[in-house]
Amino acid sequence: LNNQFQTAIKYYEQGLKIAKERKNQDQETTPYLGLGAVYRLNNQFQMFQTAIKYYEQALEIAKGRKDQGHETTAYLGLGVVYRLNNQFQTAIKYYEQALEIAKGRKDQNQETKAYLGLGDANRSNNQFQTSIKYYEEALEIAKERKDQAQETTAHLGLGAVYKLNNKFQPAIKYYEQGLEIAKEKKDQAQETTAYLGLGVLYRLNNQFETAVKYYEQSLEIAKERKDQDQETTAYLGLGDAYRVNNQFQTFQTAIECYEQALEIAKERKDQYQETVAYLVLGEAYRLNNLLNNQFETAVKYYEQSLEIAKERKDQDQETTAYLGLGDAYRVNNQFQTVIKYYEQALEIAKERKDHDQETTAYLGLGDACRLNNQCDMAIKYYERALEIAKERKDQDQETMAHLGLNNKFQTAIKYYEQALQIAEERKDQDQETTAYLGLGDAYRVNNRFETAIEYYEQALEIAKERKDHDQKTTAYLNLGFVYRLNNQFQTAIECYEQALEIAKELENKHIGNIARNAIEELSRIA
């Protein structure tokens, strides 16, 4: 516990001692509620148990005294603790009890808090429509009461739920409305939350510079306010924005941001954010094909995140860690280990009815089986992923499933074209490039070399524009290969030389060796 928490606890315990000595149960309830809130805010599994104990003691006294105000506050506090501890059904039960009493007492302040809590719990439980309904109820009362703090909270909650449901325009609208009120009220905590939400949305929409701008604004305020929770979140967001920008220099910046987040989380003993930092560091080292021999580093970070997630009984992060381990071992061609981790992720995701992670696990299993020459199994997994993605209207995962189904060569072109269409609609240039590369592969396999070259060149053009060295190298290697098959040896050598130049610049020995060997072989033929 940091010094501020210790000071708060000391004062609440002194208040509790005096209240007990005076046998004043009303004054005894207040410090119990305060102690519950302090331990809840500390964001550790062990502290959550202590918070629950204090809230339950407050609840017992409040019920005995028929003090419905304090009883409602205790239910709301228990709702928050169980929600943060990923026990969503229990959280919902407590919020509903708080709501019932608040309505009976016509206490609109606590009624709004209960609606907001129900919105949060249902959002965390992926019940998006139910969550929206509760946030809208809260928003309506808050506007009627001219309670701008609760109005802002409702706007931010709606922004978050629309973001999770991949509806970016409504999400941006709600975050901007929340931001406007927060600025007007000079509520810097909510202002920071709005900036963080907008940062995520613009990052997901591939508008990296705008995302970075919002994250930096949130970081500046969080530092000024000495709010280490939001400071850590801002560093994690900046890391994400720099990482997905897919350039070597920004990758290094991403790692620095993640390490700063990890350092603060460890210092604060915030196990949730510590786990997140380990997960994203694992992801960064796994995804970055420009650095050599980072497999063990990625696995180390995923295993650290898995250990904490299990300890905290955080099944969402546990699933994410299993998926990350699957991805890492897949890159290292250890397919049996890969399948084991994806199956563990799939089992938890199904149990939790988390369709997003379930689809991701099916896609991962499809990839692993395809790479391991288990084509029939791969197709089964990709089709299951496609079915869920279509049902959820998740175009990103739908695209990935279409891309995976390319192993049926007669239908490969159809799937790649569908993937390309969705990627173009979403302005997702990363997946657009992947689709062009896939179309090039499909036409190359069918010996239609001129068409293959056209698609590879389109992929190369976008990769150059985005400064995506990974896809640029892939496009040059593929062009080299197809020109070689088409007996255009000199042009093939030129393409391989371009790939070699990038590989040297990035110190990528693997790609460098592929290009160098091809050049040597072609030089003997040409």
Protein backbone atom coordinates (compact mmCIF):
# COMPACT_ATOMS: atom_id res chain seq x y z
CA LEU A 1 0.00 0.00 0.00
CA ASN A 2 1.32 3.47 -0.81
CA ASN A 3 1.54 6.29 1.74
CA GLN A 4 -1.82 7.90 0.86
CA PHE A 5 -3.63 4.59 1.31
CA GLN A 6 -1.84 3.99 4.63
CA THR A 7 -2.80 7.46 5.87
CA ALA A 8 -6.46 6.95 4.88
CA ILE A 9 -6.53 3.55 6.60
CA LYS A 10 -5.00 5.01 9.77
CA TYR A 11 -7.70 7.71 9.99
CA TYR A 12 -10.57 5.31 9.24
CA GLU A 13 -9.27 2.86 11.87
CA GLN A 14 -9.03 5.67 14.44
CA GLY A 15 -12.61 6.68 13.59
CA LEU A 16 -13.75 3.08 13.89
CA LYS A 17 -12.07 2.66 17.28
CA ILE A 18 -13.76 5.80 18.67
CA ALA A 19 -17.16 4.77 17.25
CA LYS A 20 -16.88 1.31 18.84
CA GLU A 21 -15.85 2.80 22.20
CA ARG A 22 -18.86 5.13 22.05
CA LYS A 23 -21.10 2.30 20.79
CA ASN A 24 -22.18 4.62 17.97
CA GLN A 25 -23.13 2.24 15.19
CA ASP A 26 -23.93 5.02 12.75
CA GLN A 27 -20.37 6.35 13.04
CA GLU A 28 -19.05 2.77 12.99
CA THR A 29 -20.65 2.10 9.57
CA THR A 30 -18.96 5.08 7.91
CA PRO A 31 -15.33 3.99 8.61
CA TYR A 32 -16.17 0.41 7.56
CA LEU A 33 -17.41 1.78 4.21
CA GLY A 34 -14.33 4.00 3.95
CA LEU A 35 -11.97 1.10 4.67
CA GLY A 36 -13.78 -0.98 2.06
CA ALA A 37 -13.29 1.79 -0.51
CA VAL A 38 -9.57 2.23 0.28
CA TYR A 39 -8.76 -1.48 0.02
CA ARG A 40 -10.88 -1.71 -3.16
CA LEU A 41 -8.91 1.11 -4.81
CA ASN A 42 -5.62 -0.67 -4.17
CA ASN A 43 -6.41 -3.11 -7.01
CA GLN A 44 -4.84 -6.31 -5.64
CA PHE A 45 -6.58 -9.65 -5.17
CA GLN A 46 -5.63 -9.87 -1.46
CA MET A 47 -6.86 -6.31 -0.88
CA PHE A 48 -10.19 -7.09 -2.57
CA GLN A 49 -10.82 -9.77 0.06
CA THR A 50 -10.17 -7.21 2.82
CA ALA A 51 -12.46 -4.68 1.07
CA ILE A 52 -15.25 -7.28 0.92
CA LYS A 53 -14.85 -7.99 4.65
CA TYR A 54 -15.26 -4.29 5.54
CA TYR A 55 -18.22 -3.73 3.20
CA GLU A 56 -19.95 -6.81 4.67
CA GLN A 57 -19.41 -5.51 8.21
CA ALA A 58 -20.88 -2.14 7.20
CA LEU A 59 -23.79 -3.92 5.50
CA GLU A 60 -24.55 -6.01 8.59
CA ILE A 61 -24.71 -2.94 10.86
CA ALA A 62 -26.74 -0.93 8.32
CA LYS A 63 -29.32 -3.72 7.97
CA GLY A 64 -29.54 -4.13 11.75
CA ARG A 65 -30.20 -0.41 12.14
CA LYS A 66 -32.51 -0.28 9.08
CA ASP A 67 -30.19 2.40 7.67
CA GLN A 68 -31.03 2.07 4.00
CA GLY A 69 -28.67 4.82 2.89
CA HIS A 70 -25.61 3.03 4.25
CA GLU A 71 -27.03 -0.35 3.19
CA THR A 72 -27.22 0.87 -0.43
CA THR A 73 -23.67 2.27 -0.25
CA ALA A 74 -22.41 -1.11 1.00
CA TYR A 75 -24.17 -2.96 -1.83
CA LEU A 76 -22.69 -0.53 -4.37
CA GLY A 77 -19.21 -1.02 -2.89
CA LEU A 78 -19.56 -4.80 -2.99
CA GLY A 79 -20.73 -4.53 -6.60
CA VAL A 80 -17.59 -2.62 -7.54
CA VAL A 81 -15.25 -5.05 -5.74
CA TYR A 82 -16.78 -8.15 -7.32
CA ARG A 83 -16.80 -6.47 -10.76
CA LEU A 84 -13.11 -5.58 -10.47
CA ASN A 85 -12.48 -9.16 -9.37
CA ASN A 86 -14.21 -10.45 -12.54
CA GLN A 87 -17.12 -12.02 -10.63
CA PHE A 88 -19.70 -10.30 -12.77
CA GLN A 89 -22.86 -12.19 -11.78
CA THR A 90 -22.19 -11.52 -8.08
CA ALA A 91 -21.50 -7.86 -8.89
CA ILE A 92 -24.79 -7.60 -10.82
CA LYS A 93 -26.67 -9.14 -7.87
CA TYR A 94 -25.33 -6.46 -5.47
CA TYR A 95 -25.97 -3.61 -7.90
CA GLU A 96 -29.56 -4.83 -8.35
CA GLN A 97 -30.06 -4.89 -4.58
CA ALA A 98 -28.71 -1.33 -4.37
CA LEU A 99 -31.00 -0.26 -7.23
CA GLU A 100 -34.09 -1.73 -5.59
CA ILE A 101 -33.52 0.13 -2.31
CA ALA A 102 -32.54 3.39 -4.04
CA LYS A 103 -35.73 3.34 -6.13
CA GLY A 104 -37.83 2.58 -3.04
CA ARG A 105 -36.23 5.55 -1.24
CA LYS A 106 -36.44 7.77 -4.35
CA ASP A 107 -32.70 8.37 -3.92
CA GLN A 108 -31.82 9.30 -7.49
CA ASN A 109 -28.12 9.76 -6.74
CA GLN A 110 -27.71 6.16 -5.60
CA GLU A 111 -30.14 4.95 -8.26
CA THR A 112 -27.88 6.49 -10.93
CA LYS A 113 -24.81 4.92 -9.30
CA ALA A 114 -26.52 1.52 -9.40
CA TYR A 115 -27.40 1.94 -13.10
CA LEU A 116 -23.80 2.97 -13.86
CA GLY A 117 -22.52 -0.06 -11.92
CA LEU A 118 -24.88 -2.38 -13.82
CA GLY A 119 -23.66 -0.80 -17.06
CA ASP A 120 -20.03 -1.46 -16.05
CA ALA A 121 -20.66 -5.06 -14.92
CA ASN A 122 -22.64 -6.01 -18.02
CA ARG A 123 -20.06 -4.32 -20.26
CA SER A 124 -17.26 -6.31 -18.59
CA ASN A 125 -19.37 -9.45 -19.07
CA ASN A 126 -19.74 -8.70 -22.83
CA GLN A 127 -23.50 -8.07 -22.47
CA PHE A 128 -23.32 -4.93 -24.59
CA GLN A 129 -27.01 -4.23 -25.27
CA THR A 130 -27.91 -4.66 -21.59
CA SER A 131 -24.99 -2.42 -20.66
CA ILE A 132 -26.15 0.31 -23.07
CA LYS A 133 -29.66 0.16 -21.59
CA TYR A 134 -28.36 0.77 -18.05
CA TYR A 135 -25.98 3.57 -19.08
CA GLU A 136 -28.84 5.30 -20.91
CA GLU A 137 -31.04 5.06 -17.79
CA ALA A 138 -28.21 6.60 -15.75
CA LEU A 139 -27.69 9.33 -18.35
CA GLU A 140 -31.37 10.25 -18.38
CA ILE A 141 -31.55 10.69 -14.58
CA ALA A 142 -28.20 12.53 -14.43
CA LYS A 143 -29.34 15.04 -17.08
CA GLU A 144 -32.67 15.53 -15.29
CA ARG A 145 -30.81 16.16 -11.99
CA LYS A 146 -28.17 18.32 -13.72
CA ASP A 147 -25.53 16.05 -12.14
CA GLN A 148 -22.68 16.64 -14.56
CA ALA A 149 -20.28 14.22 -12.86
CA GLN A 150 -22.67 11.29 -13.32
CA GLU A 151 -23.64 12.53 -16.79
CA THR A 152 -19.95 12.45 -17.80
CA THR A 153 -19.54 8.96 -16.30
CA ALA A 154 -22.52 7.73 -18.34
CA HIS A 155 -21.13 9.27 -21.55
CA LEU A 156 -17.75 7.64 -20.91
CA GLY A 157 -19.42 4.29 -20.15
CA LEU A 158 -21.40 4.45 -23.39
CA GLY A 159 -18.20 5.34 -25.26
CA ALA A 160 -16.48 2.30 -23.76
CA VAL A 161 -19.29 -0.14 -24.57
CA TYR A 162 -19.66 1.07 -28.18
CA LYS A 163 -15.87 0.82 -28.54
CA LEU A 164 -15.93 -2.81 -27.34
CA ASN A 165 -18.79 -3.50 -29.76
CA ASN A 166 -16.65 -2.14 -32.66
CA LYS A 167 -19.00 0.82 -33.28
CA PHE A 168 -16.38 3.55 -33.49
CA GLN A 169 -18.43 6.58 -34.55
CA PRO A 170 -20.98 6.40 -31.67
CA ALA A 171 -18.07 5.65 -29.30
CA ILE A 172 -16.16 8.77 -30.42
CA LYS A 173 -19.34 10.86 -30.06
CA TYR A 174 -19.88 9.74 -26.44
CA TYR A 175 -16.23 10.18 -25.45
CA GLU A 176 -16.22 13.69 -26.96
CA GLN A 177 -19.42 14.58 -25.08
CA GLY A 178 -17.86 13.28 -21.86
CA LEU A 179 -14.67 15.23 -22.58
CA GLU A 180 -16.57 18.47 -23.19
CA ILE A 181 -18.39 18.30 -19.83
CA ALA A 182 -15.25 17.19 -17.95
CA LYS A 183 -13.28 20.17 -19.31
CA GLU A 184 -16.13 22.54 -18.46
CA LYS A 185 -16.22 21.16 -14.89
CA LYS A 186 -12.40 21.08 -14.67
CA ASP A 187 -12.71 17.39 -13.74
CA GLN A 188 -9.25 16.24 -14.74
CA ALA A 189 -9.80 12.58 -13.79
CA GLN A 190 -12.72 12.24 -16.20
CA GLU A 191 -10.95 14.40 -18.79
CA THR A 192 -8.04 11.92 -18.70
CA THR A 193 -10.43 8.96 -19.01
CA ALA A 194 -11.98 10.56 -22.12
CA TYR A 195 -8.56 11.18 -23.70
CA LEU A 196 -7.58 7.56 -23.01
CA GLY A 197 -10.80 6.28 -24.61
CA LEU A 198 -10.30 8.47 -27.68
CA GLY A 199 -6.69 7.27 -27.92
CA VAL A 200 -7.86 3.64 -28.06
CA LEU A 201 -10.50 4.40 -30.70
CA TYR A 202 -8.16 6.27 -33.04
CA ARG A 203 -5.53 3.54 -32.60
CA LEU A 204 -8.07 0.85 -33.52
CA ASN A 205 -9.04 2.99 -36.51
CA ASN A 206 -5.37 3.08 -37.66
CA GLN A 207 -5.07 6.85 -37.05
CA PHE A 208 -1.86 6.51 -35.08
CA GLU A 209 -0.81 10.17 -34.88
CA THR A 210 -4.21 11.21 -33.50
CA ALA A 211 -4.09 8.29 -31.04
CA VAL A 212 -0.63 9.34 -29.81
CA LYS A 213 -1.85 12.94 -29.37
CA TYR A 214 -4.72 11.84 -27.10
CA TYR A 215 -2.54 9.45 -25.09
CA GLU A 216 0.05 12.20 -24.56
CA GLN A 217 -2.66 14.59 -23.35
CA SER A 218 -3.89 11.97 -20.87
CA LEU A 219 -0.31 11.26 -19.73
CA GLU A 220 0.40 14.94 -19.12
CA ILE A 221 -2.67 15.40 -16.90
CA ALA A 222 -2.11 12.10 -15.06
CA LYS A 223 1.48 13.07 -14.21
CA GLU A 224 0.38 16.54 -13.10
CA ARG A 225 -2.27 14.97 -10.84
CA LYS A 226 0.13 12.24 -9.64
CA ASP A 227 -2.51 9.71 -10.72
CA GLN A 228 -0.30 6.68 -11.26
CA ASP A 229 -3.19 4.45 -12.32
CA GLN A 230 -4.04 6.67 -15.29
CA GLU A 231 -0.36 7.38 -15.94
CA THR A 232 0.24 3.63 -16.32
CA THR A 233 -2.80 3.31 -18.61
CA ALA A 234 -1.49 6.18 -20.76
CA TYR A 235 1.95 4.55 -21.09
CA LEU A 236 0.28 1.26 -22.09
CA GLY A 237 -1.83 3.11 -24.68
CA LEU A 238 1.18 4.94 -26.11
CA GLY A 239 3.00 1.61 -26.31
CA ASP A 240 0.09 0.12 -28.26
CA ALA A 241 -0.05 3.07 -30.68
CA TYR A 242 3.70 2.97 -31.35
CA ARG A 243 3.74 -0.84 -31.62
CA VAL A 244 0.97 -1.16 -34.19
CA ASN A 245 2.55 1.60 -36.29
CA ASN A 246 4.82 -1.24 -37.42
CA GLN A 247 8.12 0.60 -37.77
CA PHE A 248 11.43 -0.39 -36.18
CA GLN A 249 11.99 2.99 -34.50
CA THR A 250 8.46 3.15 -33.07
CA PHE A 251 8.79 -0.45 -31.84
CA GLN A 252 11.68 0.65 -29.61
CA THR A 253 9.55 3.53 -28.28
CA ALA A 254 6.69 1.09 -27.62
CA ILE A 255 8.96 -1.14 -25.52
CA GLU A 256 10.11 1.91 -23.50
CA CYS A 257 6.47 2.92 -22.82
CA TYR A 258 5.52 -0.61 -21.76
CA GLU A 259 8.54 -0.84 -19.46
CA GLN A 260 7.60 2.46 -17.80
CA ALA A 261 4.06 1.14 -17.29
CA LEU A 262 5.43 -2.09 -15.81
CA GLU A 263 7.74 -0.21 -13.45
CA ILE A 264 4.89 1.94 -12.05
CA ALA A 265 2.51 -1.04 -11.77
CA LYS A 266 5.09 -3.07 -9.81
CA GLU A 267 5.87 -0.09 -7.56
CA ARG A 268 2.13 0.32 -6.84
CA LYS A 269 1.62 -3.46 -6.48
CA ASP A 270 -1.15 -3.13 -9.08
CA GLN A 271 -1.29 -6.71 -10.28
CA TYR A 272 -3.91 -6.04 -12.93
CA GLN A 273 -1.80 -3.44 -14.76
CA GLU A 274 1.36 -5.45 -14.13
CA THR A 275 -0.27 -8.39 -15.94
CA VAL A 276 -1.35 -6.13 -18.81
CA ALA A 277 2.21 -4.79 -19.14
CA TYR A 278 3.66 -8.32 -19.25
CA LEU A 279 1.08 -9.33 -21.89
CA VAL A 280 1.82 -6.39 -24.18
CA LEU A 281 5.59 -6.81 -23.78
CA GLY A 282 5.16 -10.46 -24.76
CA GLU A 283 3.05 -9.41 -27.73
CA ALA A 284 5.56 -6.74 -28.79
CA TYR A 285 8.53 -9.11 -28.76
CA ARG A 286 6.52 -11.82 -30.53
CA LEU A 287 5.14 -9.58 -33.27
CA ASN A 288 8.35 -7.75 -34.01
CA ASN A 289 10.03 -9.88 -36.64
CA LEU A 290 12.71 -7.21 -37.05
CA LEU A 291 14.57 -8.28 -33.90
CA ASN A 292 16.28 -11.66 -33.72
CA ASN A 293 16.02 -14.33 -31.03
CA GLN A 294 13.19 -12.66 -29.07
CA PHE A 295 11.13 -15.87 -28.74
CA GLU A 296 12.33 -16.61 -25.20
CA THR A 297 11.72 -13.01 -24.09
CA ALA A 298 8.14 -13.15 -25.41
CA VAL A 299 7.47 -16.48 -23.68
CA LYS A 300 8.95 -15.17 -20.40
CA TYR A 301 6.57 -12.19 -20.37
CA TYR A 302 3.51 -14.30 -21.28
CA GLU A 303 4.33 -16.81 -18.52
CA GLN A 304 4.71 -14.02 -15.95
CA SER A 305 1.31 -12.62 -16.97
CA LEU A 306 -0.26 -16.09 -16.82
CA GLU A 307 1.05 -16.69 -13.31
CA ILE A 308 -0.43 -13.43 -11.96
CA ALA A 309 -3.73 -13.89 -13.86
CA LYS A 310 -4.22 -17.37 -12.36
CA GLU A 311 -3.38 -16.07 -8.88
CA ARG A 312 -5.95 -13.27 -9.31
CA LYS A 313 -8.51 -15.65 -10.87
CA ASP A 314 -8.67 -13.24 -13.82
CA GLN A 315 -9.90 -15.53 -16.58
CA ASP A 316 -9.89 -12.81 -19.22
CA GLN A 317 -6.16 -12.17 -18.79
CA GLU A 318 -5.49 -15.90 -18.33
CA THR A 319 -7.07 -16.55 -21.74
CA THR A 320 -5.08 -13.69 -23.30
CA ALA A 321 -1.85 -15.17 -21.89
CA TYR A 322 -2.64 -18.63 -23.30
CA LEU A 323 -3.38 -17.07 -26.71
CA GLY A 324 -0.08 -15.15 -26.54
CA LEU A 325 1.87 -18.29 -25.66
CA GLY A 326 0.18 -20.08 -28.56
CA ASP A 327 1.17 -17.26 -30.92
CA ALA A 328 4.78 -17.26 -29.66
CA TYR A 329 5.28 -21.01 -30.03
CA ARG A 330 3.60 -20.90 -33.47
CA VAL A 331 6.25 -18.46 -34.73
CA ASN A 332 8.83 -20.95 -33.42
CA ASN A 333 7.09 -23.85 -35.26
CA GLN A 334 6.35 -25.85 -32.07
CA PHE A 335 2.88 -26.82 -33.24
CA GLN A 336 1.88 -29.38 -30.59
CA THR A 337 2.65 -26.85 -27.84
CA VAL A 338 0.79 -24.19 -29.84
CA ILE A 339 -2.34 -26.34 -30.11
CA LYS A 340 -2.23 -27.12 -26.36
CA TYR A 341 -2.22 -23.40 -25.44
CA TYR A 342 -4.93 -22.43 -27.94
CA GLU A 343 -7.14 -25.27 -26.65
CA GLN A 344 -6.71 -24.02 -23.06
CA ALA A 345 -7.67 -20.52 -24.21
CA LEU A 346 -10.66 -21.90 -26.13
CA GLU A 347 -11.93 -23.87 -23.13
CA ILE A 348 -11.96 -20.80 -20.84
CA ALA A 349 -13.42 -18.52 -23.54
CA LYS A 350 -16.31 -20.94 -24.18
CA GLU A 351 -16.96 -21.28 -20.44
CA ARG A 352 -17.05 -17.46 -20.10
CA LYS A 353 -19.09 -17.05 -23.30
CA ASP A 354 -16.40 -14.64 -24.51
CA HIS A 355 -17.03 -14.91 -28.25
CA ASP A 356 -14.19 -12.55 -29.16
CA GLN A 357 -11.53 -14.70 -27.47
CA GLU A 358 -13.29 -17.88 -28.62
CA THR A 359 -12.99 -16.72 -32.25
CA THR A 360 -9.35 -15.74 -31.72
CA ALA A 361 -8.63 -19.23 -30.35
CA TYR A 362 -10.34 -20.89 -33.34
CA LEU A 363 -8.30 -18.71 -35.72
CA GLY A 364 -5.09 -19.63 -33.87
CA LEU A 365 -5.95 -23.34 -34.00
CA GLY A 366 -6.71 -22.97 -37.71
CA ASP A 367 -3.30 -21.38 -38.34
CA ALA A 368 -1.47 -24.01 -36.27
CA CYS A 369 -3.20 -26.94 -38.00
CA ARG A 370 -2.62 -25.39 -41.45
CA LEU A 371 1.10 -24.89 -40.78
CA ASN A 372 1.26 -28.46 -39.40
CA ASN A 373 -0.34 -29.82 -42.64
CA GLN A 374 -3.59 -30.79 -40.86
CA CYS A 375 -5.64 -29.10 -43.57
CA ASP A 376 -9.05 -30.62 -42.80
CA MET A 377 -8.80 -29.64 -39.13
CA ALA A 378 -7.63 -26.16 -40.10
CA ILE A 379 -10.65 -25.63 -42.37
CA LYS A 380 -12.98 -26.80 -39.58
CA TYR A 381 -11.51 -24.24 -37.14
CA TYR A 382 -11.52 -21.39 -39.67
CA GLU A 383 -15.16 -22.09 -40.59
CA ARG A 384 -16.16 -22.06 -36.91
CA ALA A 385 -14.33 -18.73 -36.46
CA LEU A 386 -16.04 -17.35 -39.56
CA GLU A 387 -19.46 -18.43 -38.29
CA ILE A 388 -19.04 -16.63 -34.94
CA ALA A 389 -17.44 -13.55 -36.55
CA LYS A 390 -20.36 -13.16 -38.99
CA GLU A 391 -22.87 -13.64 -36.16
CA ARG A 392 -21.08 -10.91 -34.14
CA LYS A 393 -20.59 -8.69 -37.22
CA ASP A 394 -16.87 -8.57 -36.35
CA GLN A 395 -15.35 -7.68 -39.71
CA ASP A 396 -11.78 -7.91 -38.46
CA GLN A 397 -12.12 -11.54 -37.37
CA GLU A 398 -14.27 -12.32 -40.41
CA THR A 399 -11.41 -11.09 -42.60
CA MET A 400 -8.91 -13.24 -40.69
CA ALA A 401 -11.11 -16.32 -41.15
CA HIS A 402 -11.43 -15.64 -44.90
CA LEU A 403 -7.65 -15.26 -45.12
CA GLY A 404 -7.18 -18.54 -43.27
CA LEU A 405 -9.51 -20.43 -45.59
CA ASN A 406 -7.14 -19.79 -48.51
CA ASN A 407 -5.86 -23.39 -48.31
CA LYS A 408 -8.72 -24.49 -50.58
CA PHE A 409 -6.96 -23.19 -53.68
CA GLN A 410 -10.08 -23.27 -55.85
CA THR A 411 -11.81 -20.87 -53.41
CA ALA A 412 -8.71 -18.98 -52.28
CA ILE A 413 -9.26 -16.08 -54.65
CA LYS A 414 -12.89 -15.69 -53.55
CA TYR A 415 -11.90 -15.54 -49.86
CA TYR A 416 -9.00 -13.14 -50.45
CA GLU A 417 -11.26 -10.85 -52.47
CA GLN A 418 -13.84 -10.87 -49.66
CA ALA A 419 -11.08 -10.10 -47.17
CA LEU A 420 -9.80 -7.30 -49.41
CA GLN A 421 -13.26 -5.76 -49.73
CA ILE A 422 -13.78 -5.68 -45.95
CA ALA A 423 -10.26 -4.32 -45.35
CA GLU A 424 -10.80 -1.52 -47.90
CA GLU A 425 -14.18 -0.63 -46.34
CA ARG A 426 -12.54 -0.45 -42.89
CA LYS A 427 -9.51 1.45 -44.26
CA ASP A 428 -7.34 -1.23 -42.64
CA GLN A 429 -4.20 -1.02 -44.76
CA ASP A 430 -2.41 -3.78 -42.85
CA GLN A 431 -5.05 -6.36 -43.76
CA GLU A 432 -5.47 -4.86 -47.23
CA THR A 433 -1.76 -5.52 -47.86
CA THR A 434 -2.11 -9.06 -46.46
CA ALA A 435 -5.04 -9.70 -48.83
CA TYR A 436 -3.05 -8.44 -51.85
CA LEU A 437 -0.14 -10.71 -50.86
CA GLY A 438 -2.59 -13.62 -50.52
CA LEU A 439 -4.11 -12.95 -53.95
CA GLY A 440 -0.59 -12.85 -55.36
CA ASP A 441 0.12 -16.25 -53.78
CA ALA A 442 -3.13 -17.74 -55.12
CA TYR A 443 -2.48 -16.59 -58.70
CA ARG A 444 1.18 -17.65 -58.48
CA VAL A 445 0.17 -21.19 -57.43
CA ASN A 446 -2.21 -21.25 -60.41
CA ASN A 447 0.73 -20.23 -62.66
CA ARG A 448 -0.86 -16.88 -63.53
CA PHE A 449 2.36 -15.00 -62.96
CA GLU A 450 1.45 -11.63 -64.50
CA THR A 451 -1.65 -11.30 -62.29
CA ALA A 452 0.37 -12.43 -59.24
CA ILE A 453 2.94 -9.69 -59.97
CA GLU A 454 0.18 -7.04 -60.14
CA TYR A 455 -1.12 -8.00 -56.68
CA TYR A 456 2.34 -8.19 -55.11
CA GLU A 457 3.11 -4.71 -56.50
CA GLN A 458 -0.11 -3.33 -54.99
CA ALA A 459 0.92 -4.83 -51.64
CA LEU A 460 4.39 -3.31 -52.03
CA GLU A 461 2.98 0.13 -52.81
CA ILE A 462 0.87 0.23 -49.61
CA ALA A 463 3.71 -1.21 -47.49
CA LYS A 464 6.07 1.52 -48.76
CA GLU A 465 3.47 4.22 -48.05
CA ARG A 466 2.98 2.88 -44.49
CA LYS A 467 6.75 2.33 -43.97
CA ASP A 468 5.86 -1.26 -43.02
CA HIS A 469 9.28 -2.88 -43.50
CA ASP A 470 7.98 -6.36 -42.66
CA GLN A 471 5.34 -6.43 -45.43
CA LYS A 472 7.63 -4.53 -47.81
CA THR A 473 10.26 -7.28 -47.41
CA THR A 474 7.61 -9.98 -47.91
CA ALA A 475 6.41 -8.30 -51.12
CA TYR A 476 9.97 -8.06 -52.51
CA LEU A 477 10.67 -11.72 -51.67
CA ASN A 478 7.40 -12.81 -53.31
CA LEU A 479 8.10 -10.70 -56.40
CA GLY A 480 11.58 -12.21 -56.59
CA PHE A 481 10.08 -15.70 -56.40
CA VAL A 482 7.42 -15.12 -59.08
CA TYR A 483 9.87 -13.39 -61.49
CA ARG A 484 12.16 -16.37 -60.99
CA LEU A 485 9.32 -18.78 -61.86
CA ASN A 486 8.57 -16.63 -64.92
CA ASN A 487 12.25 -16.89 -66.02
CA GLN A 488 12.81 -13.12 -65.52
CA PHE A 489 16.01 -13.76 -63.61
CA GLN A 490 17.53 -10.27 -63.68
CA THR A 491 14.32 -8.67 -62.35
CA ALA A 492 14.13 -11.41 -59.70
CA ILE A 493 17.68 -10.58 -58.56
CA GLU A 494 16.76 -6.87 -58.28
CA CYS A 495 13.78 -7.72 -56.02
CA TYR A 496 15.89 -10.00 -53.80
CA GLU A 497 18.54 -7.25 -53.56
CA GLN A 498 15.87 -4.82 -52.29
CA ALA A 499 14.80 -7.40 -49.67
CA LEU A 500 18.45 -7.95 -48.68
CA GLU A 501 19.03 -4.21 -48.27
CA ILE A 502 16.07 -3.89 -45.85
CA ALA A 503 17.17 -7.02 -43.96
CA LYS A 504 20.68 -5.57 -43.46
CA GLU A 505 19.25 -2.25 -42.27
CA LEU A 506 17.08 -4.07 -39.74
CA GLU A 507 19.72 -6.69 -38.84
CA ASN A 508 17.29 -9.47 -39.78
CA LYS A 509 19.62 -12.40 -40.45
CA HIS A 510 16.87 -14.84 -41.40
CA ILE A 511 15.46 -12.70 -44.26
CA GLY A 512 19.01 -11.69 -45.23
CA ASN A 513 20.01 -15.34 -45.68
CA ILE A 514 16.92 -16.13 -47.79
CA ALA A 515 17.58 -13.16 -50.11
CA ARG A 516 21.35 -13.77 -50.30
CA ASN A 517 20.93 -17.48 -51.16
CA ALA A 518 18.38 -16.64 -53.88
CA ILE A 519 20.71 -14.00 -55.41
CA GLU A 520 23.65 -16.45 -55.45
CA GLU A 521 21.55 -19.17 -57.08
CA LEU A 522 20.07 -16.81 -59.69
CA SER A 523 23.48 -15.29 -60.49
CA ARG A 524 24.68 -18.75 -61.50
CA ILE A 525 21.63 -19.23 -63.80
CA ALA A 526 21.31 -15.72 -65.28
